[in-house]
Amino acid sequence: MTRKSKSPVDMSTLFKTTSGTLAQISQKTNSIKKIAHIVRQICPDLPEDAFNIANFVQTTLIVEVKSPVWGQRLQFERNTILREI
């Protein structure tokens, strides 16, 4: 019985495809990074580790904050953030 020789698959081609699980994860990660960048531009006084964009599902954006104080600060800027997104 002969062995099937398989050449290794380049991972970048898996991420660049438009279908598949890895492509969907990559697209969602890029979207989350863009949203986090927009929030950082709107609230430049927030420390880097004060919040984290956790996920977005349909029309819901899930933001994790380090303390209730930063959560309240983001609540004040909610309309501005929604307008920019």
C-alpha atoms as a PDB file:
ATOM      1  CA  MET A   1       0.000   0.000   0.000  1.00  0.00           C
ATOM      2  CA  THR A   2       1.475   3.320  -1.017  1.00  0.00           C
ATOM      3  CA  ARG A   3       1.399   6.396   1.120  1.00  0.00           C
ATOM      4  CA  LYS A   4      -0.432   9.461  -0.024  1.00  0.00           C
ATOM      5  CA  SER A   5       1.881  12.387  -0.044  1.00  0.00           C
ATOM      6  CA  LYS A   6       0.276  15.592   1.107  1.00  0.00           C
ATOM      7  CA  SER A   7       1.933  18.907   0.775  1.00  0.00           C
ATOM      8  CA  PRO A   8       1.370  21.217   3.731  1.00  0.00           C
ATOM      9  CA  VAL A   9      -1.433  23.764   3.434  1.00  0.00           C
ATOM     10  CA  ASP A  10      -0.495  27.381   3.901  1.00  0.00           C
ATOM     11  CA  MET A  11      -2.549  28.789   6.803  1.00  0.00           C
ATOM     12  CA  SER A  12      -2.853  32.213   5.183  1.00  0.00           C
ATOM     13  CA  THR A  13      -4.891  30.696   2.358  1.00  0.00           C
ATOM     14  CA  LEU A  14      -7.320  29.257   4.906  1.00  0.00           C
ATOM     15  CA  PHE A  15      -7.828  32.695   6.465  1.00  0.00           C
ATOM     16  CA  LYS A  16      -8.222  34.422   3.098  1.00  0.00           C
ATOM     17  CA  THR A  17     -10.979  32.166   1.847  1.00  0.00           C
ATOM     18  CA  THR A  18     -14.482  33.577   2.089  1.00  0.00           C
ATOM     19  CA  SER A  19     -16.076  30.443   3.477  1.00  0.00           C
ATOM     20  CA  GLY A  20     -15.246  28.078   6.282  1.00  0.00           C
ATOM     21  CA  THR A  21     -14.936  28.324  10.012  1.00  0.00           C
ATOM     22  CA  LEU A  22     -11.479  29.903  10.124  1.00  0.00           C
ATOM     23  CA  ALA A  23     -12.507  32.584   7.631  1.00  0.00           C
ATOM     24  CA  GLN A  24     -15.593  33.442   9.695  1.00  0.00           C
ATOM     25  CA  ILE A  25     -13.553  33.643  12.900  1.00  0.00           C
ATOM     26  CA  SER A  26     -10.998  35.847  11.175  1.00  0.00           C
ATOM     27  CA  GLN A  27     -13.671  38.209   9.831  1.00  0.00           C
ATOM     28  CA  LYS A  28     -15.366  38.494  13.214  1.00  0.00           C
ATOM     29  CA  THR A  29     -12.049  39.134  14.964  1.00  0.00           C
ATOM     30  CA  ASN A  30     -11.205  41.883  12.494  1.00  0.00           C
ATOM     31  CA  SER A  31     -14.622  43.454  13.017  1.00  0.00           C
ATOM     32  CA  ILE A  32     -14.184  43.389  16.801  1.00  0.00           C
ATOM     33  CA  LYS A  33     -10.770  45.058  16.445  1.00  0.00           C
ATOM     34  CA  LYS A  34     -12.278  47.809  14.268  1.00  0.00           C
ATOM     35  CA  ILE A  35     -15.052  48.432  16.804  1.00  0.00           C
ATOM     36  CA  ALA A  36     -12.520  48.581  19.654  1.00  0.00           C
ATOM     37  CA  HIS A  37     -10.479  51.090  17.652  1.00  0.00           C
ATOM     38  CA  ILE A  38     -13.553  53.287  17.137  1.00  0.00           C
ATOM     39  CA  VAL A  39     -14.350  53.189  20.858  1.00  0.00           C
ATOM     40  CA  ARG A  40     -10.754  54.098  21.725  1.00  0.00           C
ATOM     41  CA  GLN A  41     -10.944  57.116  19.373  1.00  0.00           C
ATOM     42  CA  ILE A  42     -14.200  58.297  20.943  1.00  0.00           C
ATOM     43  CA  CYS A  43     -12.941  57.847  24.523  1.00  0.00           C
ATOM     44  CA  PRO A  44      -9.194  58.540  24.412  1.00  0.00           C
ATOM     45  CA  ASP A  45      -9.073  59.028  28.189  1.00  0.00           C
ATOM     46  CA  LEU A  46      -9.923  55.359  28.853  1.00  0.00           C
ATOM     47  CA  PRO A  47      -6.933  53.178  29.747  1.00  0.00           C
ATOM     48  CA  GLU A  48      -6.099  50.365  27.317  1.00  0.00           C
ATOM     49  CA  ASP A  49      -7.160  47.651  29.740  1.00  0.00           C
ATOM     50  CA  ALA A  50     -10.345  49.340  31.035  1.00  0.00           C
ATOM     51  CA  PHE A  51     -12.620  47.618  28.545  1.00  0.00           C
ATOM     52  CA  ASN A  52     -12.690  44.774  26.058  1.00  0.00           C
ATOM     53  CA  ILE A  53     -15.082  44.237  23.165  1.00  0.00           C
ATOM     54  CA  ALA A  54     -16.123  40.652  23.876  1.00  0.00           C
ATOM     55  CA  ASN A  55     -18.555  39.860  21.077  1.00  0.00           C
ATOM     56  CA  PHE A  56     -21.309  41.114  18.874  1.00  0.00           C
ATOM     57  CA  VAL A  57     -24.414  39.198  17.903  1.00  0.00           C
ATOM     58  CA  GLN A  58     -26.821  40.706  15.370  1.00  0.00           C
ATOM     59  CA  THR A  59     -27.582  44.113  16.923  1.00  0.00           C
ATOM     60  CA  THR A  60     -26.030  43.554  20.362  1.00  0.00           C
ATOM     61  CA  LEU A  61     -22.500  44.621  21.268  1.00  0.00           C
ATOM     62  CA  ILE A  62     -21.043  42.974  24.367  1.00  0.00           C
ATOM     63  CA  VAL A  63     -18.445  45.071  26.174  1.00  0.00           C
ATOM     64  CA  GLU A  64     -16.536  43.821  29.205  1.00  0.00           C
ATOM     65  CA  VAL A  65     -15.304  46.503  31.599  1.00  0.00           C
ATOM     66  CA  LYS A  66     -12.893  46.335  34.499  1.00  0.00           C
ATOM     67  CA  SER A  67     -15.059  48.293  36.907  1.00  0.00           C
ATOM     68  CA  PRO A  68     -18.537  49.829  37.048  1.00  0.00           C
ATOM     69  CA  VAL A  69     -16.960  53.275  36.749  1.00  0.00           C
ATOM     70  CA  TRP A  70     -15.690  52.524  33.236  1.00  0.00           C
ATOM     71  CA  GLY A  71     -19.034  50.942  32.377  1.00  0.00           C
ATOM     72  CA  GLN A  72     -20.792  54.155  33.345  1.00  0.00           C
ATOM     73  CA  ARG A  73     -18.306  56.179  31.277  1.00  0.00           C
ATOM     74  CA  LEU A  74     -19.110  54.048  28.240  1.00  0.00           C
ATOM     75  CA  GLN A  75     -22.833  54.464  28.928  1.00  0.00           C
ATOM     76  CA  PHE A  76     -22.387  58.241  28.634  1.00  0.00           C
ATOM     77  CA  GLU A  77     -20.754  57.772  25.218  1.00  0.00           C
ATOM     78  CA  ARG A  78     -23.166  55.066  24.015  1.00  0.00           C
ATOM     79  CA  ASN A  79     -25.003  57.240  21.463  1.00  0.00           C
ATOM     80  CA  THR A  80     -21.743  58.571  20.015  1.00  0.00           C
ATOM     81  CA  ILE A  81     -20.346  55.037  19.711  1.00  0.00           C
ATOM     82  CA  LEU A  82     -23.520  53.787  18.002  1.00  0.00           C
ATOM     83  CA  ARG A  83     -23.455  56.708  15.576  1.00  0.00           C
ATOM     84  CA  GLU A  84     -19.840  55.991  14.611  1.00  0.00           C
ATOM     85  CA  ILE A  85     -20.378  52.273  14.183  1.00  0.00           C
END
